[in-house]
Amino acid sequence: MRDLAMEHIGLNVPEPLEMAEWYVKQLKMQIVRKQDTNLMHFLADADGRVVMEIFHNAAAPLPDYRQKSPLEFHLAFQADNLETLKDNLLTAKAMLVEDINTTPAGDTMMMLRDPWGVPIQFVKRSIPLKARS
C-alpha cells in the first residue's frame, strides 16, 4: 500500500450538475460519487485512474476560468483522434483556444475550453507518460 497518492482535483463551478453531465457525455467520464443534492460530483476518467471533483460551494468565490490562461491552469486528456474530437466538442459548445499542432518532441496537441471556460488540453504523446509504481 502506498503512503501517499493523489486522490482527486477539485473545481468550484457555478453549475456542477450540468458540467458533470457534459463531461460524462462528451469526455467519457463516469460519476463515481454524488453528494449534497447534485452540488458535488466526483468523476473518473474512462480508465478510472484520475478523479475530478466538480462542486459548487457558495462560501468561496467562483474562479473565472475564462480569464485563466491555459498556461496557468488546464485539465489534460490523452486522446487518439484529435480532429474528430475537436469537431465533436465544438458541436457540444466547447471553444477552440489552440488548434491541433505538433510539438518539437512529436506530441500532437490542441487546447479547448469547455462551455464554462475551463481550459482542456488534448494530447497524443509520441512517448506516453507513465506513472511510476
C-alpha atoms as a PDB file:
ATOM      1  CA  MET A   1       0.000   0.000   0.000  1.00  0.00           C
ATOM      2  CA  ARG A   2       1.214   3.492  -0.811  1.00  0.00           C
ATOM      3  CA  ASP A   3       1.689   6.035   1.950  1.00  0.00           C
ATOM      4  CA  LEU A   4       0.531   8.889  -0.236  1.00  0.00           C
ATOM      5  CA  ALA A   5      -1.265   9.101  -3.580  1.00  0.00           C
ATOM      6  CA  MET A   6      -3.208  11.853  -5.274  1.00  0.00           C
ATOM      7  CA  GLU A   7      -6.931  11.196  -4.882  1.00  0.00           C
ATOM      8  CA  HIS A   8      -8.598  13.970  -6.896  1.00  0.00           C
ATOM      9  CA  ILE A   9      -8.522  17.558  -8.083  1.00  0.00           C
ATOM     10  CA  GLY A  10     -11.468  19.872  -7.394  1.00  0.00           C
ATOM     11  CA  LEU A  11     -13.139  22.670  -9.337  1.00  0.00           C
ATOM     12  CA  ASN A  12     -15.638  25.097  -7.785  1.00  0.00           C
ATOM     13  CA  VAL A  13     -18.096  25.819 -10.609  1.00  0.00           C
ATOM     14  CA  PRO A  14     -21.473  27.547 -10.985  1.00  0.00           C
ATOM     15  CA  GLU A  15     -23.357  24.562 -12.489  1.00  0.00           C
ATOM     16  CA  PRO A  16     -21.916  21.288 -11.168  1.00  0.00           C
ATOM     17  CA  LEU A  17     -24.773  19.055 -12.354  1.00  0.00           C
ATOM     18  CA  GLU A  18     -24.752  20.405 -15.908  1.00  0.00           C
ATOM     19  CA  MET A  19     -20.966  20.347 -16.062  1.00  0.00           C
ATOM     20  CA  ALA A  20     -20.793  16.766 -14.756  1.00  0.00           C
ATOM     21  CA  GLU A  21     -23.329  15.675 -17.368  1.00  0.00           C
ATOM     22  CA  TRP A  22     -21.297  17.376 -20.133  1.00  0.00           C
ATOM     23  CA  TYR A  23     -18.055  15.666 -19.048  1.00  0.00           C
ATOM     24  CA  VAL A  24     -19.805  12.289 -18.880  1.00  0.00           C
ATOM     25  CA  LYS A  25     -21.349  12.670 -22.327  1.00  0.00           C
ATOM     26  CA  GLN A  26     -18.506  14.400 -24.150  1.00  0.00           C
ATOM     27  CA  LEU A  27     -15.355  13.071 -22.447  1.00  0.00           C
ATOM     28  CA  LYS A  28     -16.488   9.582 -21.419  1.00  0.00           C
ATOM     29  CA  MET A  29     -16.020  10.280 -17.718  1.00  0.00           C
ATOM     30  CA  GLN A  30     -18.106   8.426 -15.159  1.00  0.00           C
ATOM     31  CA  ILE A  31     -19.696   9.689 -11.977  1.00  0.00           C
ATOM     32  CA  VAL A  32     -18.247   7.672  -9.102  1.00  0.00           C
ATOM     33  CA  ARG A  33     -19.892   9.636  -6.276  1.00  0.00           C
ATOM     34  CA  LYS A  34     -22.551  12.336  -5.901  1.00  0.00           C
ATOM     35  CA  GLN A  35     -23.255  14.320  -2.752  1.00  0.00           C
ATOM     36  CA  ASP A  36     -25.237  17.280  -1.461  1.00  0.00           C
ATOM     37  CA  THR A  37     -28.188  17.177  -3.869  1.00  0.00           C
ATOM     38  CA  ASN A  38     -26.165  17.498  -7.063  1.00  0.00           C
ATOM     39  CA  LEU A  39     -23.816  20.190  -5.710  1.00  0.00           C
ATOM     40  CA  MET A  40     -20.855  17.770  -5.671  1.00  0.00           C
ATOM     41  CA  HIS A  41     -19.837  15.182  -8.266  1.00  0.00           C
ATOM     42  CA  PHE A  42     -16.722  13.040  -8.381  1.00  0.00           C
ATOM     43  CA  LEU A  43     -15.938  11.971 -11.951  1.00  0.00           C
ATOM     44  CA  ALA A  44     -13.359   9.393 -13.019  1.00  0.00           C
ATOM     45  CA  ASP A  45     -11.724   9.220 -16.410  1.00  0.00           C
ATOM     46  CA  ALA A  46     -12.511   6.292 -18.719  1.00  0.00           C
ATOM     47  CA  ASP A  47      -9.686   4.236 -17.162  1.00  0.00           C
ATOM     48  CA  GLY A  48     -10.641   5.128 -13.583  1.00  0.00           C
ATOM     49  CA  ARG A  49      -7.112   6.457 -12.966  1.00  0.00           C
ATOM     50  CA  VAL A  50      -7.880  10.139 -12.429  1.00  0.00           C
ATOM     51  CA  VAL A  51     -10.742  11.619 -10.403  1.00  0.00           C
ATOM     52  CA  MET A  52     -12.030  15.186 -10.610  1.00  0.00           C
ATOM     53  CA  GLU A  53     -14.464  16.762  -8.169  1.00  0.00           C
ATOM     54  CA  ILE A  54     -16.913  19.247  -9.675  1.00  0.00           C
ATOM     55  CA  PHE A  55     -18.746  21.145  -6.950  1.00  0.00           C
ATOM     56  CA  HIS A  56     -20.383  24.414  -6.034  1.00  0.00           C
ATOM     57  CA  ASN A  57     -19.582  25.987  -2.693  1.00  0.00           C
ATOM     58  CA  ALA A  58     -21.046  29.464  -2.254  1.00  0.00           C
ATOM     59  CA  ALA A  59     -18.700  30.112   0.704  1.00  0.00           C
ATOM     60  CA  ALA A  60     -15.836  30.605  -1.767  1.00  0.00           C
ATOM     61  CA  PRO A  61     -15.664  32.894  -4.781  1.00  0.00           C
ATOM     62  CA  LEU A  62     -16.099  31.164  -8.116  1.00  0.00           C
ATOM     63  CA  PRO A  63     -12.947  31.279 -10.204  1.00  0.00           C
ATOM     64  CA  ASP A  64     -13.355  32.970 -13.583  1.00  0.00           C
ATOM     65  CA  TYR A  65     -11.975  30.091 -15.641  1.00  0.00           C
ATOM     66  CA  ARG A  66     -12.433  32.056 -18.883  1.00  0.00           C
ATOM     67  CA  GLN A  67      -9.811  34.514 -17.633  1.00  0.00           C
ATOM     68  CA  LYS A  68      -7.302  31.817 -16.652  1.00  0.00           C
ATOM     69  CA  SER A  69      -4.582  31.307 -19.204  1.00  0.00           C
ATOM     70  CA  PRO A  70      -4.252  27.655 -20.241  1.00  0.00           C
ATOM     71  CA  LEU A  71      -0.576  28.088 -19.361  1.00  0.00           C
ATOM     72  CA  GLU A  72      -1.652  28.948 -15.797  1.00  0.00           C
ATOM     73  CA  PHE A  73      -4.180  26.120 -15.375  1.00  0.00           C
ATOM     74  CA  HIS A  74      -5.705  23.402 -17.550  1.00  0.00           C
ATOM     75  CA  LEU A  75      -7.044  19.874 -17.465  1.00  0.00           C
ATOM     76  CA  ALA A  76      -5.354  17.428 -19.839  1.00  0.00           C
ATOM     77  CA  PHE A  77      -6.738  14.330 -21.535  1.00  0.00           C
ATOM     78  CA  GLN A  78      -4.915  11.745 -23.604  1.00  0.00           C
ATOM     79  CA  ALA A  79      -6.705  11.328 -26.943  1.00  0.00           C
ATOM     80  CA  ASP A  80      -6.040   9.462 -30.162  1.00  0.00           C
ATOM     81  CA  ASN A  81      -8.138  11.168 -32.849  1.00  0.00           C
ATOM     82  CA  LEU A  82      -7.856  14.890 -32.165  1.00  0.00           C
ATOM     83  CA  GLU A  83      -9.587  16.005 -35.369  1.00  0.00           C
ATOM     84  CA  THR A  84     -12.784  14.025 -34.675  1.00  0.00           C
ATOM     85  CA  LEU A  85     -12.684  15.014 -31.007  1.00  0.00           C
ATOM     86  CA  LYS A  86     -12.329  18.683 -31.950  1.00  0.00           C
ATOM     87  CA  ASP A  87     -15.331  18.535 -34.288  1.00  0.00           C
ATOM     88  CA  ASN A  88     -17.479  16.757 -31.687  1.00  0.00           C
ATOM     89  CA  LEU A  89     -16.553  19.108 -28.845  1.00  0.00           C
ATOM     90  CA  LEU A  90     -17.055  22.262 -30.884  1.00  0.00           C
ATOM     91  CA  THR A  91     -20.535  20.965 -31.743  1.00  0.00           C
ATOM     92  CA  ALA A  92     -21.052  20.450 -27.974  1.00  0.00           C
ATOM     93  CA  LYS A  93     -20.268  24.152 -27.287  1.00  0.00           C
ATOM     94  CA  ALA A  94     -16.589  23.860 -26.438  1.00  0.00           C
ATOM     95  CA  MET A  95     -14.417  26.735 -27.685  1.00  0.00           C
ATOM     96  CA  LEU A  96     -11.175  26.346 -29.624  1.00  0.00           C
ATOM     97  CA  VAL A  97      -8.184  28.034 -27.974  1.00  0.00           C
ATOM     98  CA  GLU A  98      -5.304  26.480 -29.918  1.00  0.00           C
ATOM     99  CA  ASP A  99      -5.780  24.274 -32.959  1.00  0.00           C
ATOM    100  CA  ILE A 100      -4.091  20.914 -33.450  1.00  0.00           C
ATOM    101  CA  ASN A 101      -0.320  21.214 -33.638  1.00  0.00           C
ATOM    102  CA  THR A 102       2.751  19.056 -33.176  1.00  0.00           C
ATOM    103  CA  THR A 103       5.458  19.948 -30.667  1.00  0.00           C
ATOM    104  CA  PRO A 104       9.201  19.540 -31.292  1.00  0.00           C
ATOM    105  CA  ALA A 105       9.005  16.400 -29.090  1.00  0.00           C
ATOM    106  CA  GLY A 106       6.485  14.894 -31.534  1.00  0.00           C
ATOM    107  CA  ASP A 107       3.402  15.240 -29.308  1.00  0.00           C
ATOM    108  CA  THR A 108       0.183  16.270 -31.051  1.00  0.00           C
ATOM    109  CA  MET A 109      -1.938  18.706 -29.005  1.00  0.00           C
ATOM    110  CA  MET A 110      -4.864  21.084 -29.033  1.00  0.00           C
ATOM    111  CA  MET A 111      -6.441  23.331 -26.417  1.00  0.00           C
ATOM    112  CA  LEU A 112     -10.159  24.000 -25.991  1.00  0.00           C
ATOM    113  CA  ARG A 113     -12.364  25.443 -23.273  1.00  0.00           C
ATOM    114  CA  ASP A 114     -15.429  23.638 -22.019  1.00  0.00           C
ATOM    115  CA  PRO A 115     -18.730  25.605 -22.074  1.00  0.00           C
ATOM    116  CA  TRP A 116     -17.857  27.017 -18.608  1.00  0.00           C
ATOM    117  CA  GLY A 117     -14.473  28.290 -19.759  1.00  0.00           C
ATOM    118  CA  VAL A 118     -12.253  25.635 -18.169  1.00  0.00           C
ATOM    119  CA  PRO A 119      -9.188  25.083 -20.382  1.00  0.00           C
ATOM    120  CA  ILE A 120      -8.783  21.486 -21.556  1.00  0.00           C
ATOM    121  CA  GLN A 121      -5.727  20.203 -23.379  1.00  0.00           C
ATOM    122  CA  PHE A 122      -5.975  17.099 -25.534  1.00  0.00           C
ATOM    123  CA  VAL A 123      -2.736  15.340 -26.345  1.00  0.00           C
ATOM    124  CA  LYS A 124      -1.472  12.348 -28.247  1.00  0.00           C
ATOM    125  CA  ARG A 125       2.027  11.729 -26.927  1.00  0.00           C
ATOM    126  CA  SER A 126       4.804  10.389 -29.113  1.00  0.00           C
ATOM    127  CA  ILE A 127       6.053   8.644 -25.951  1.00  0.00           C
ATOM    128  CA  PRO A 128       3.234   8.104 -23.420  1.00  0.00           C
ATOM    129  CA  LEU A 129       3.638   9.456 -19.906  1.00  0.00           C
ATOM    130  CA  LYS A 130       3.734   6.649 -17.393  1.00  0.00           C
ATOM    131  CA  ALA A 131       3.249   6.877 -13.665  1.00  0.00           C
ATOM    132  CA  ARG A 132       5.804   5.012 -11.631  1.00  0.00           C
ATOM    133  CA  SER A 133       4.516   2.143  -9.497  1.00  0.00           C
END
